[in-house]
Amino acid sequence: MSDTPDCRLTPEQETRVVLARADLDAARTADLASQEPAELIILVERLRGSLDDALALVADLTDSPDLP
């Protein structure tokens, strides 16, 4: 028996996870050496947004205060 409580995500939370994974997959498969600086900035900003949203989701799920 696991000590981890059964945690079901709401459809909105599942969507947030799917979008974050898609952003990460896109970044992993991108040929960074061939991208223009503006494209790299957009990629970094998307990853920042995904990380921020993932941390907010963790805070929601654990009833922790929002992270700065």
C-alpha atoms as a PDB file:
ATOM      1  CA  MET A   1       0.000   0.000   0.000  1.00  0.00           C
ATOM      2  CA  SER A   2       1.296   3.430  -0.939  1.00  0.00           C
ATOM      3  CA  ASP A   3       1.562   6.383   1.436  1.00  0.00           C
ATOM      4  CA  THR A   4       0.820   8.721  -1.476  1.00  0.00           C
ATOM      5  CA  PRO A   5      -2.782   9.936  -1.443  1.00  0.00           C
ATOM      6  CA  ASP A   6      -4.867   9.363  -4.551  1.00  0.00           C
ATOM      7  CA  CYS A   7      -4.738  12.676  -6.383  1.00  0.00           C
ATOM      8  CA  ARG A   8      -6.984  13.208  -9.366  1.00  0.00           C
ATOM      9  CA  LEU A   9      -6.465  16.268 -11.522  1.00  0.00           C
ATOM     10  CA  THR A  10      -9.339  18.352 -12.733  1.00  0.00           C
ATOM     11  CA  PRO A  11      -9.701  18.716 -16.518  1.00  0.00           C
ATOM     12  CA  GLU A  12      -8.186  22.214 -16.241  1.00  0.00           C
ATOM     13  CA  GLN A  13      -5.199  20.900 -14.288  1.00  0.00           C
ATOM     14  CA  GLU A  14      -4.710  18.067 -16.780  1.00  0.00           C
ATOM     15  CA  THR A  15      -4.700  20.616 -19.611  1.00  0.00           C
ATOM     16  CA  ARG A  16      -2.065  22.666 -17.786  1.00  0.00           C
ATOM     17  CA  VAL A  17       0.147  19.578 -17.483  1.00  0.00           C
ATOM     18  CA  VAL A  18      -0.358  18.638 -21.143  1.00  0.00           C
ATOM     19  CA  LEU A  19       0.560  22.158 -22.295  1.00  0.00           C
ATOM     20  CA  ALA A  20       3.668  22.241 -20.101  1.00  0.00           C
ATOM     21  CA  ARG A  21       4.785  18.868 -21.463  1.00  0.00           C
ATOM     22  CA  ALA A  22       4.199  20.062 -25.029  1.00  0.00           C
ATOM     23  CA  ASP A  23       6.335  23.158 -24.418  1.00  0.00           C
ATOM     24  CA  LEU A  24       9.097  21.020 -22.928  1.00  0.00           C
ATOM     25  CA  ASP A  25       8.948  18.512 -25.795  1.00  0.00           C
ATOM     26  CA  ALA A  26       9.144  21.343 -28.337  1.00  0.00           C
ATOM     27  CA  ALA A  27      12.184  22.790 -26.569  1.00  0.00           C
ATOM     28  CA  ARG A  28      13.892  19.406 -26.426  1.00  0.00           C
ATOM     29  CA  THR A  29      13.403  18.743 -30.128  1.00  0.00           C
ATOM     30  CA  ALA A  30      14.290  22.252 -31.319  1.00  0.00           C
ATOM     31  CA  ASP A  31      17.573  22.720 -33.151  1.00  0.00           C
ATOM     32  CA  LEU A  32      18.754  25.572 -30.955  1.00  0.00           C
ATOM     33  CA  ALA A  33      21.882  26.222 -33.009  1.00  0.00           C
ATOM     34  CA  SER A  34      19.856  27.073 -36.100  1.00  0.00           C
ATOM     35  CA  GLN A  35      17.302  29.344 -34.441  1.00  0.00           C
ATOM     36  CA  GLU A  36      17.338  33.102 -34.613  1.00  0.00           C
ATOM     37  CA  PRO A  37      17.823  35.026 -31.352  1.00  0.00           C
ATOM     38  CA  ALA A  38      14.184  36.148 -31.333  1.00  0.00           C
ATOM     39  CA  GLU A  39      13.032  32.521 -31.640  1.00  0.00           C
ATOM     40  CA  LEU A  40      15.235  31.537 -28.710  1.00  0.00           C
ATOM     41  CA  ILE A  41      13.777  34.337 -26.600  1.00  0.00           C
ATOM     42  CA  ILE A  42      10.258  33.135 -27.375  1.00  0.00           C
ATOM     43  CA  LEU A  43      11.255  29.570 -26.491  1.00  0.00           C
ATOM     44  CA  VAL A  44      12.729  30.659 -23.155  1.00  0.00           C
ATOM     45  CA  GLU A  45       9.661  32.759 -22.352  1.00  0.00           C
ATOM     46  CA  ARG A  46       7.349  29.822 -23.094  1.00  0.00           C
ATOM     47  CA  LEU A  47       9.417  27.600 -20.800  1.00  0.00           C
ATOM     48  CA  ARG A  48       9.349  30.257 -18.077  1.00  0.00           C
ATOM     49  CA  GLY A  49       5.586  30.452 -18.327  1.00  0.00           C
ATOM     50  CA  SER A  50       5.260  26.678 -18.224  1.00  0.00           C
ATOM     51  CA  LEU A  51       7.515  26.432 -15.179  1.00  0.00           C
ATOM     52  CA  ASP A  52       5.597  29.179 -13.401  1.00  0.00           C
ATOM     53  CA  ASP A  53       2.299  27.429 -14.144  1.00  0.00           C
ATOM     54  CA  ALA A  54       3.676  24.045 -13.015  1.00  0.00           C
ATOM     55  CA  LEU A  55       4.830  25.541  -9.715  1.00  0.00           C
ATOM     56  CA  ALA A  56       1.425  27.175  -9.233  1.00  0.00           C
ATOM     57  CA  LEU A  57      -0.238  23.817  -9.909  1.00  0.00           C
ATOM     58  CA  VAL A  58       1.968  22.114  -7.317  1.00  0.00           C
ATOM     59  CA  ALA A  59       1.083  24.842  -4.818  1.00  0.00           C
ATOM     60  CA  ASP A  60      -2.622  24.330  -5.565  1.00  0.00           C
ATOM     61  CA  LEU A  61      -2.389  20.565  -5.157  1.00  0.00           C
ATOM     62  CA  THR A  62      -0.425  20.727  -1.927  1.00  0.00           C
ATOM     63  CA  ASP A  63      -2.357  23.629  -0.411  1.00  0.00           C
ATOM     64  CA  SER A  64       0.918  25.518  -0.152  1.00  0.00           C
ATOM     65  CA  PRO A  65       1.054  29.296  -0.397  1.00  0.00           C
ATOM     66  CA  ASP A  66       1.900  30.647  -3.818  1.00  0.00           C
ATOM     67  CA  LEU A  67       5.558  30.753  -4.592  1.00  0.00           C
ATOM     68  CA  PRO A  68       7.081  34.177  -5.251  1.00  0.00           C
END
